Amino acid sequence: MYLSWTAGRLDRLHARIDAARAALDAQLLRRASVAQELATSGILDPAASIVLYEAAHDARQAEEEQREVAESELSGALRAVFGEPEQVAALREVPGGAEAAAELGQAVRRVPMARRFHNDAVRAARALRRHRTVRWFRLAGHAPFPLAFEMDDQPPVALADRAA
């Protein structure tokens, strides 16, 4: 009875990891898409547009092994382009800029939350898989060992501020 309950719990944790990873992928894709759209809109200056577009494009096209690095570089590019509140204020003054800034602000706030949910599920599954009973009776089956998604997800302060 205990083994069956533990195996079911482990299966539910793996399903939760899959769902959290899908949500994280969706948020990362949304952030990259919004950044790429903003970079091609003509609202930003040319140098900022190039930096933001290349980082967003690399994040969207990255292979799974390089995804964490590419997403971290996009976070760095967002902080470089929108590092000062004056830059975000100037963006909001341009026609269509307020909507673009609000959408990008939502996207950069949701990524850390989605990553936290994913990594919490991974941490719980890892803790259960380390139990002696799970290892001895091979209750995890052939499921791969869950890996956390580690990246720099620190948003630009000016965009992450909800009051701004």
N, C-alpha and C. Protein backbone atom coordinates (compact mmCIF):
# COMPACT_ATOMS: atom_id res chain seq x y z
N MET A 1 0.83 -1.19 0.00
CA MET A 1 0.00 0.00 0.00
C MET A 1 0.88 1.27 0.00
N TYR A 2 1.89 1.27 0.86
CA TYR A 2 2.77 2.42 0.96
C TYR A 2 3.53 2.64 -0.35
N LEU A 3 4.00 1.56 -0.97
CA LEU A 3 4.74 1.68 -2.22
C LEU A 3 3.85 2.23 -3.33
N SER A 4 2.62 1.78 -3.36
CA SER A 4 1.69 2.28 -4.37
C SER A 4 1.41 3.76 -4.17
N TRP A 5 1.21 4.17 -2.93
CA TRP A 5 0.96 5.58 -2.64
C TRP A 5 2.17 6.44 -3.00
N THR A 6 3.37 5.96 -2.67
CA THR A 6 4.59 6.71 -2.98
C THR A 6 4.81 6.82 -4.48
N ALA A 7 4.57 5.73 -5.20
CA ALA A 7 4.71 5.77 -6.66
C ALA A 7 3.71 6.75 -7.27
N GLY A 8 2.49 6.76 -6.76
CA GLY A 8 1.49 7.72 -7.25
C GLY A 8 1.88 9.15 -6.97
N ARG A 9 2.41 9.37 -5.79
CA ARG A 9 2.86 10.71 -5.42
C ARG A 9 3.99 11.18 -6.33
N LEU A 10 4.92 10.27 -6.60
CA LEU A 10 6.04 10.61 -7.48
C LEU A 10 5.54 10.90 -8.89
N ASP A 11 4.58 10.13 -9.34
CA ASP A 11 4.01 10.36 -10.67
C ASP A 11 3.32 11.72 -10.73
N ARG A 12 2.58 12.08 -9.68
CA ARG A 12 1.93 13.40 -9.65
C ARG A 12 2.96 14.53 -9.64
N LEU A 13 4.07 14.32 -8.94
CA LEU A 13 5.12 15.34 -8.92
C LEU A 13 5.74 15.50 -10.31
N HIS A 14 5.94 14.40 -11.01
CA HIS A 14 6.49 14.49 -12.36
C HIS A 14 5.51 15.18 -13.31
N ALA A 15 4.22 14.92 -13.13
CA ALA A 15 3.21 15.61 -13.94
C ALA A 15 3.21 17.11 -13.62
N ARG A 16 3.37 17.44 -12.34
CA ARG A 16 3.43 18.85 -11.94
C ARG A 16 4.66 19.54 -12.53
N ILE A 17 5.78 18.82 -12.60
CA ILE A 17 6.99 19.37 -13.23
C ILE A 17 6.73 19.64 -14.70
N ASP A 18 6.09 18.71 -15.39
CA ASP A 18 5.81 18.90 -16.81
C ASP A 18 4.90 20.11 -17.04
N ALA A 19 3.88 20.25 -16.21
CA ALA A 19 2.98 21.40 -16.34
C ALA A 19 3.69 22.71 -16.03
N ALA A 20 4.51 22.70 -15.00
CA ALA A 20 5.25 23.92 -14.63
C ALA A 20 6.26 24.29 -15.71
N ARG A 21 6.88 23.28 -16.33
CA ARG A 21 7.85 23.55 -17.40
C ARG A 21 7.15 24.14 -18.62
N ALA A 22 5.95 23.63 -18.92
CA ALA A 22 5.19 24.18 -20.05
C ALA A 22 4.80 25.63 -19.77
N ALA A 23 4.40 25.92 -18.54
CA ALA A 23 4.06 27.31 -18.18
C ALA A 23 5.29 28.20 -18.25
N LEU A 24 6.44 27.70 -17.79
CA LEU A 24 7.68 28.47 -17.86
C LEU A 24 8.07 28.73 -19.31
N ASP A 25 7.97 27.72 -20.15
CA ASP A 25 8.29 27.90 -21.57
C ASP A 25 7.38 28.94 -22.21
N ALA A 26 6.10 28.91 -21.84
CA ALA A 26 5.16 29.89 -22.39
C ALA A 26 5.52 31.30 -21.96
N GLN A 27 5.89 31.48 -20.69
CA GLN A 27 6.25 32.81 -20.21
C GLN A 27 7.54 33.31 -20.84
N LEU A 28 8.51 32.41 -21.00
CA LEU A 28 9.77 32.80 -21.64
C LEU A 28 9.54 33.18 -23.10
N LEU A 29 8.70 32.42 -23.78
CA LEU A 29 8.38 32.73 -25.17
C LEU A 29 7.63 34.05 -25.27
N ARG A 30 6.73 34.30 -24.35
CA ARG A 30 5.99 35.56 -24.35
C ARG A 30 6.92 36.75 -24.13
N ARG A 31 7.84 36.60 -23.18
CA ARG A 31 8.79 37.68 -22.91
C ARG A 31 9.66 37.96 -24.13
N ALA A 32 10.17 36.91 -24.76
CA ALA A 32 11.01 37.09 -25.95
C ALA A 32 10.21 37.68 -27.10
N SER A 33 8.97 37.26 -27.27
CA SER A 33 8.14 37.78 -28.35
C SER A 33 7.83 39.26 -28.16
N VAL A 34 7.50 39.62 -26.95
CA VAL A 34 7.19 41.04 -26.67
C VAL A 34 8.45 41.89 -26.86
N ALA A 35 9.59 41.39 -26.41
CA ALA A 35 10.84 42.13 -26.59
C ALA A 35 11.19 42.27 -28.06
N GLN A 36 10.99 41.21 -28.82
CA GLN A 36 11.28 41.25 -30.25
C GLN A 36 10.32 42.21 -30.98
N GLU A 37 9.07 42.17 -30.59
CA GLU A 37 8.08 43.07 -31.18
C GLU A 37 8.42 44.53 -30.88
N LEU A 38 8.82 44.79 -29.65
CA LEU A 38 9.19 46.14 -29.26
C LEU A 38 10.44 46.60 -30.00
N ALA A 39 11.39 45.68 -30.20
CA ALA A 39 12.62 46.03 -30.90
C ALA A 39 12.38 46.37 -32.36
N THR A 40 11.40 45.73 -32.98
CA THR A 40 11.12 45.99 -34.40
C THR A 40 10.07 47.06 -34.62
N SER A 41 9.52 47.62 -33.56
CA SER A 41 8.44 48.60 -33.70
C SER A 41 8.92 49.99 -34.12
N GLY A 42 10.18 50.28 -33.94
CA GLY A 42 10.69 51.60 -34.26
C GLY A 42 10.55 52.60 -33.13
N ILE A 43 10.06 52.16 -32.00
CA ILE A 43 9.89 53.04 -30.85
C ILE A 43 11.24 53.32 -30.18
N LEU A 44 12.09 52.31 -30.12
CA LEU A 44 13.40 52.44 -29.46
C LEU A 44 14.43 53.02 -30.42
N ASP A 45 15.52 53.51 -29.85
CA ASP A 45 16.61 53.98 -30.71
C ASP A 45 17.26 52.77 -31.39
N PRO A 46 17.95 52.97 -32.52
CA PRO A 46 18.48 51.85 -33.30
C PRO A 46 19.43 50.92 -32.53
N ALA A 47 20.31 51.49 -31.72
CA ALA A 47 21.26 50.65 -30.99
C ALA A 47 20.54 49.74 -29.99
N ALA A 48 19.59 50.30 -29.27
CA ALA A 48 18.82 49.51 -28.30
C ALA A 48 17.98 48.46 -29.02
N SER A 49 17.43 48.81 -30.18
CA SER A 49 16.63 47.87 -30.95
C SER A 49 17.46 46.67 -31.38
N ILE A 50 18.68 46.91 -31.83
CA ILE A 50 19.54 45.82 -32.28
C ILE A 50 19.90 44.91 -31.13
N VAL A 51 20.30 45.48 -30.01
CA VAL A 51 20.68 44.68 -28.84
C VAL A 51 19.49 43.83 -28.37
N LEU A 52 18.33 44.45 -28.27
CA LEU A 52 17.15 43.75 -27.79
C LEU A 52 16.68 42.69 -28.78
N TYR A 53 16.71 43.02 -30.07
CA TYR A 53 16.26 42.06 -31.08
C TYR A 53 17.16 40.83 -31.12
N GLU A 54 18.47 41.04 -31.10
CA GLU A 54 19.39 39.90 -31.16
C GLU A 54 19.25 39.00 -29.94
N ALA A 55 19.11 39.59 -28.77
CA ALA A 55 18.97 38.79 -27.55
C ALA A 55 17.64 38.02 -27.56
N ALA A 56 16.57 38.67 -28.00
CA ALA A 56 15.26 38.01 -28.05
C ALA A 56 15.25 36.90 -29.11
N HIS A 57 15.86 37.18 -30.24
CA HIS A 57 15.93 36.17 -31.30
C HIS A 57 16.75 34.96 -30.84
N ASP A 58 17.87 35.20 -30.20
CA ASP A 58 18.69 34.10 -29.69
C ASP A 58 17.95 33.28 -28.64
N ALA A 59 17.16 33.95 -27.80
CA ALA A 59 16.40 33.25 -26.77
C ALA A 59 15.31 32.38 -27.40
N ARG A 60 14.68 32.87 -28.45
CA ARG A 60 13.63 32.08 -29.10
C ARG A 60 14.19 30.93 -29.89
N GLN A 61 15.39 31.06 -30.44
CA GLN A 61 15.96 30.03 -31.31
C GLN A 61 16.93 29.09 -30.61
N ALA A 62 17.16 29.29 -29.34
CA ALA A 62 18.18 28.51 -28.62
C ALA A 62 17.79 27.05 -28.49
N GLU A 63 18.79 26.20 -28.61
CA GLU A 63 18.59 24.77 -28.35
C GLU A 63 18.38 24.58 -26.85
N GLU A 64 17.84 23.46 -26.46
CA GLU A 64 17.52 23.21 -25.06
C GLU A 64 18.75 23.32 -24.15
N GLU A 65 19.91 22.88 -24.64
CA GLU A 65 21.12 22.93 -23.81
C GLU A 65 21.60 24.35 -23.57
N GLN A 66 21.30 25.25 -24.49
CA GLN A 66 21.76 26.63 -24.40
C GLN A 66 20.66 27.60 -23.98
N ARG A 67 19.50 27.09 -23.66
CA ARG A 67 18.35 27.96 -23.40
C ARG A 67 18.54 28.82 -22.17
N GLU A 68 19.09 28.26 -21.10
CA GLU A 68 19.27 29.03 -19.87
C GLU A 68 20.20 30.21 -20.10
N VAL A 69 21.26 29.99 -20.86
CA VAL A 69 22.23 31.06 -21.16
C VAL A 69 21.57 32.13 -22.02
N ALA A 70 20.84 31.71 -23.05
CA ALA A 70 20.20 32.67 -23.94
C ALA A 70 19.14 33.50 -23.21
N GLU A 71 18.38 32.86 -22.33
CA GLU A 71 17.38 33.61 -21.56
C GLU A 71 18.04 34.57 -20.58
N SER A 72 19.16 34.17 -20.01
CA SER A 72 19.90 35.07 -19.11
C SER A 72 20.42 36.27 -19.87
N GLU A 73 20.89 36.04 -21.11
CA GLU A 73 21.38 37.15 -21.93
C GLU A 73 20.24 38.10 -22.30
N LEU A 74 19.04 37.56 -22.52
CA LEU A 74 17.89 38.43 -22.78
C LEU A 74 17.57 39.26 -21.55
N SER A 75 17.66 38.68 -20.38
CA SER A 75 17.44 39.45 -19.15
C SER A 75 18.46 40.58 -19.03
N GLY A 76 19.71 40.28 -19.35
CA GLY A 76 20.75 41.31 -19.33
C GLY A 76 20.50 42.40 -20.35
N ALA A 77 20.04 42.02 -21.54
CA ALA A 77 19.74 43.02 -22.57
C ALA A 77 18.57 43.91 -22.14
N LEU A 78 17.57 43.31 -21.52
CA LEU A 78 16.44 44.11 -21.04
C LEU A 78 16.88 45.09 -19.96
N ARG A 79 17.77 44.64 -19.07
CA ARG A 79 18.28 45.57 -18.05
C ARG A 79 19.14 46.66 -18.67
N ALA A 80 19.88 46.34 -19.73
CA ALA A 80 20.72 47.34 -20.38
C ALA A 80 19.87 48.39 -21.09
N VAL A 81 18.83 47.94 -21.76
CA VAL A 81 17.99 48.87 -22.53
C VAL A 81 17.06 49.66 -21.63
N PHE A 82 16.50 49.02 -20.61
CA PHE A 82 15.52 49.67 -19.73
C PHE A 82 16.04 49.81 -18.31
N GLY A 83 17.32 50.06 -18.17
CA GLY A 83 17.94 50.14 -16.85
C GLY A 83 17.56 51.37 -16.05
N GLU A 84 17.27 52.45 -16.72
CA GLU A 84 16.95 53.71 -16.04
C GLU A 84 15.46 54.02 -16.17
N PRO A 85 14.85 54.53 -15.12
CA PRO A 85 13.42 54.90 -15.19
C PRO A 85 13.13 55.95 -16.28
N GLU A 86 14.14 56.77 -16.58
CA GLU A 86 13.94 57.79 -17.62
C GLU A 86 13.73 57.15 -18.98
N GLN A 87 14.42 56.02 -19.23
CA GLN A 87 14.25 55.32 -20.52
C GLN A 87 12.84 54.77 -20.66
N VAL A 88 12.31 54.22 -19.58
CA VAL A 88 10.95 53.68 -19.61
C VAL A 88 9.95 54.83 -19.73
N ALA A 89 10.21 55.94 -19.05
CA ALA A 89 9.32 57.10 -19.14
C ALA A 89 9.30 57.64 -20.57
N ALA A 90 10.46 57.68 -21.22
CA ALA A 90 10.52 58.14 -22.61
C ALA A 90 9.77 57.17 -23.52
N LEU A 91 9.85 55.88 -23.23
CA LEU A 91 9.12 54.89 -24.02
C LEU A 91 7.62 55.09 -23.87
N ARG A 92 7.16 55.39 -22.67
CA ARG A 92 5.73 55.55 -22.42
C ARG A 92 5.15 56.81 -23.09
N GLU A 93 6.01 57.79 -23.35
CA GLU A 93 5.54 59.03 -23.97
C GLU A 93 5.31 58.88 -25.47
N VAL A 94 5.95 57.92 -26.09
CA VAL A 94 5.81 57.69 -27.53
C VAL A 94 4.44 57.04 -27.80
N PRO A 95 3.78 57.40 -28.88
CA PRO A 95 2.49 56.75 -29.18
C PRO A 95 2.64 55.23 -29.28
N GLY A 96 1.84 54.52 -28.52
CA GLY A 96 1.91 53.06 -28.49
C GLY A 96 2.94 52.53 -27.51
N GLY A 97 3.73 53.41 -26.96
CA GLY A 97 4.78 52.99 -26.05
C GLY A 97 4.29 52.58 -24.68
N ALA A 98 3.22 53.20 -24.22
CA ALA A 98 2.68 52.86 -22.90
C ALA A 98 2.16 51.43 -22.89
N GLU A 99 1.47 51.03 -23.96
CA GLU A 99 0.96 49.67 -24.04
C GLU A 99 2.10 48.67 -24.15
N ALA A 100 3.12 49.01 -24.94
CA ALA A 100 4.26 48.12 -25.10
C ALA A 100 5.03 47.96 -23.79
N ALA A 101 5.19 49.06 -23.07
CA ALA A 101 5.90 49.00 -21.78
C ALA A 101 5.10 48.19 -20.76
N ALA A 102 3.79 48.35 -20.76
CA ALA A 102 2.95 47.58 -19.83
C ALA A 102 3.00 46.10 -20.14
N GLU A 103 2.94 45.75 -21.42
CA GLU A 103 2.98 44.34 -21.80
C GLU A 103 4.34 43.72 -21.48
N LEU A 104 5.41 44.45 -21.75
CA LEU A 104 6.74 43.94 -21.42
C LEU A 104 6.93 43.84 -19.92
N GLY A 105 6.39 44.80 -19.18
CA GLY A 105 6.48 44.75 -17.72
C GLY A 105 5.78 43.53 -17.15
N GLN A 106 4.62 43.19 -17.68
CA GLN A 106 3.92 41.99 -17.24
C GLN A 106 4.72 40.74 -17.57
N ALA A 107 5.29 40.72 -18.74
CA ALA A 107 6.06 39.54 -19.17
C ALA A 107 7.29 39.32 -18.29
N VAL A 108 8.01 40.40 -17.97
CA VAL A 108 9.22 40.22 -17.16
C VAL A 108 8.89 39.92 -15.70
N ARG A 109 7.71 40.28 -15.22
CA ARG A 109 7.32 39.93 -13.85
C ARG A 109 6.87 38.48 -13.74
N ARG A 110 6.32 37.93 -14.80
CA ARG A 110 5.79 36.56 -14.74
C ARG A 110 6.88 35.49 -14.87
N VAL A 111 7.98 35.80 -15.52
CA VAL A 111 9.04 34.81 -15.72
C VAL A 111 9.62 34.32 -14.39
N PRO A 112 10.01 35.18 -13.46
CA PRO A 112 10.55 34.66 -12.20
C PRO A 112 9.55 33.82 -11.41
N MET A 113 8.28 34.18 -11.50
CA MET A 113 7.27 33.42 -10.79
C MET A 113 7.12 32.02 -11.39
N ALA A 114 7.08 31.93 -12.71
CA ALA A 114 6.95 30.64 -13.38
C ALA A 114 8.19 29.77 -13.12
N ARG A 115 9.35 30.40 -13.11
CA ARG A 115 10.58 29.65 -12.84
C ARG A 115 10.60 29.14 -11.40
N ARG A 116 10.10 29.93 -10.48
CA ARG A 116 10.04 29.52 -9.08
C ARG A 116 9.12 28.32 -8.90
N PHE A 117 7.94 28.34 -9.55
CA PHE A 117 7.01 27.21 -9.47
C PHE A 117 7.66 25.94 -10.03
N HIS A 118 8.34 26.07 -11.15
CA HIS A 118 9.00 24.92 -11.75
C HIS A 118 10.09 24.37 -10.84
N ASN A 119 10.94 25.24 -10.34
CA ASN A 119 12.04 24.78 -9.50
C ASN A 119 11.55 24.21 -8.17
N ASP A 120 10.44 24.71 -7.64
CA ASP A 120 9.86 24.13 -6.42
C ASP A 120 9.37 22.71 -6.67
N ALA A 121 8.74 22.49 -7.82
CA ALA A 121 8.28 21.13 -8.16
C ALA A 121 9.47 20.20 -8.35
N VAL A 122 10.52 20.69 -8.98
CA VAL A 122 11.73 19.88 -9.17
C VAL A 122 12.34 19.53 -7.82
N ARG A 123 12.40 20.49 -6.93
CA ARG A 123 12.98 20.26 -5.60
C ARG A 123 12.19 19.19 -4.83
N ALA A 124 10.88 19.24 -4.91
CA ALA A 124 10.04 18.25 -4.22
C ALA A 124 10.24 16.85 -4.81
N ALA A 125 10.31 16.76 -6.14
CA ALA A 125 10.51 15.45 -6.77
C ALA A 125 11.89 14.90 -6.45
N ARG A 126 12.88 15.75 -6.46
CA ARG A 126 14.24 15.29 -6.11
C ARG A 126 14.30 14.77 -4.68
N ALA A 127 13.64 15.46 -3.78
CA ALA A 127 13.64 15.03 -2.37
C ALA A 127 12.99 13.66 -2.23
N LEU A 128 11.89 13.45 -2.93
CA LEU A 128 11.22 12.15 -2.85
C LEU A 128 12.05 11.06 -3.53
N ARG A 129 12.69 11.38 -4.63
CA ARG A 129 13.49 10.38 -5.33
C ARG A 129 14.74 9.99 -4.56
N ARG A 130 15.17 10.82 -3.62
CA ARG A 130 16.34 10.48 -2.81
C ARG A 130 16.02 9.48 -1.70
N HIS A 131 14.74 9.29 -1.41
CA HIS A 131 14.37 8.34 -0.35
C HIS A 131 14.83 6.93 -0.73
N ARG A 132 15.27 6.23 0.25
CA ARG A 132 15.80 4.89 0.06
C ARG A 132 14.76 3.95 -0.56
N THR A 133 13.54 4.03 -0.11
CA THR A 133 12.48 3.15 -0.62
C THR A 133 12.26 3.37 -2.12
N VAL A 134 12.26 4.63 -2.54
CA VAL A 134 12.05 4.95 -3.95
C VAL A 134 13.19 4.40 -4.78
N ARG A 135 14.39 4.51 -4.29
CA ARG A 135 15.55 3.99 -5.04
C ARG A 135 15.55 2.47 -5.08
N TRP A 136 15.34 1.82 -3.93
CA TRP A 136 15.41 0.36 -3.85
C TRP A 136 14.37 -0.31 -4.75
N PHE A 137 13.15 0.23 -4.72
CA PHE A 137 12.09 -0.40 -5.50
C PHE A 137 11.91 0.25 -6.88
N ARG A 138 12.78 1.16 -7.20
CA ARG A 138 12.79 1.84 -8.51
C ARG A 138 11.41 2.38 -8.88
N LEU A 139 10.86 3.13 -7.95
CA LEU A 139 9.52 3.66 -8.13
C LEU A 139 9.47 4.79 -9.16
N ALA A 140 10.61 5.37 -9.46
CA ALA A 140 10.63 6.45 -10.45
C ALA A 140 10.56 5.90 -11.87
N GLY A 141 10.74 4.61 -12.02
CA GLY A 141 10.69 4.00 -13.35
C GLY A 141 11.82 4.52 -14.22
N HIS A 142 11.46 4.88 -15.45
CA HIS A 142 12.45 5.38 -16.40
C HIS A 142 12.38 6.89 -16.57
N ALA A 143 11.70 7.54 -15.67
CA ALA A 143 11.57 9.00 -15.75
C ALA A 143 12.94 9.63 -15.54
N PRO A 144 13.28 10.61 -16.37
CA PRO A 144 14.58 11.27 -16.19
C PRO A 144 14.61 12.05 -14.88
N PHE A 145 15.82 12.19 -14.34
CA PHE A 145 15.97 12.95 -13.11
C PHE A 145 15.63 14.40 -13.39
N PRO A 146 14.74 15.01 -12.61
CA PRO A 146 14.31 16.39 -12.90
C PRO A 146 15.43 17.40 -12.67
N LEU A 147 15.53 18.33 -13.60
CA LEU A 147 16.55 19.38 -13.53
C LEU A 147 15.89 20.74 -13.36
N ALA A 148 16.46 21.53 -12.50
CA ALA A 148 15.97 22.90 -12.29
C ALA A 148 16.37 23.77 -13.48
N PHE A 149 15.62 24.83 -13.69
CA PHE A 149 15.92 25.79 -14.74
C PHE A 149 16.59 26.98 -14.08
N GLU A 150 17.89 27.10 -14.25
CA GLU A 150 18.66 28.17 -13.61
C GLU A 150 19.02 29.23 -14.64
N MET A 151 18.57 30.43 -14.38
CA MET A 151 18.85 31.55 -15.27
C MET A 151 18.81 32.85 -14.48
N ASP A 152 19.33 33.89 -15.09
CA ASP A 152 19.24 35.23 -14.52
C ASP A 152 17.89 35.78 -14.95
N ASP A 153 16.96 35.91 -14.01
CA ASP A 153 15.64 36.41 -14.37
C ASP A 153 15.32 37.73 -13.69
N GLN A 154 16.35 38.42 -13.24
CA GLN A 154 16.16 39.71 -12.58
C GLN A 154 15.65 40.72 -13.60
N PRO A 155 14.44 41.24 -13.42
CA PRO A 155 13.89 42.20 -14.38
C PRO A 155 14.48 43.59 -14.16
N PRO A 156 14.41 44.44 -15.18
CA PRO A 156 14.80 45.84 -14.99
C PRO A 156 13.89 46.47 -13.93
N VAL A 157 14.48 47.22 -13.04
CA VAL A 157 13.71 47.80 -11.93
C VAL A 157 12.60 48.69 -12.45
N ALA A 158 12.87 49.44 -13.48
CA ALA A 158 11.87 50.37 -14.00
C ALA A 158 10.68 49.65 -14.61
N LEU A 159 10.89 48.48 -15.19
CA LEU A 159 9.79 47.72 -15.77
C LEU A 159 9.06 46.87 -14.73
N ALA A 160 9.78 46.40 -13.74
CA ALA A 160 9.18 45.52 -12.74
C ALA A 160 8.33 46.28 -11.74
N ASP A 161 8.51 47.57 -11.63
CA ASP A 161 7.76 48.38 -10.68
C ASP A 161 6.33 48.54 -11.18
N ARG A 162 5.38 47.99 -10.45
CA ARG A 162 3.96 48.02 -10.87
C ARG A 162 3.39 49.43 -10.83
N ALA A 163 3.89 50.24 -9.94
CA ALA A 163 3.34 51.59 -9.81
C ALA A 163 3.76 52.50 -10.95
N ALA A 164 4.85 52.16 -11.62
CA ALA A 164 5.37 53.02 -12.67
C ALA A 164 4.58 52.97 -13.93
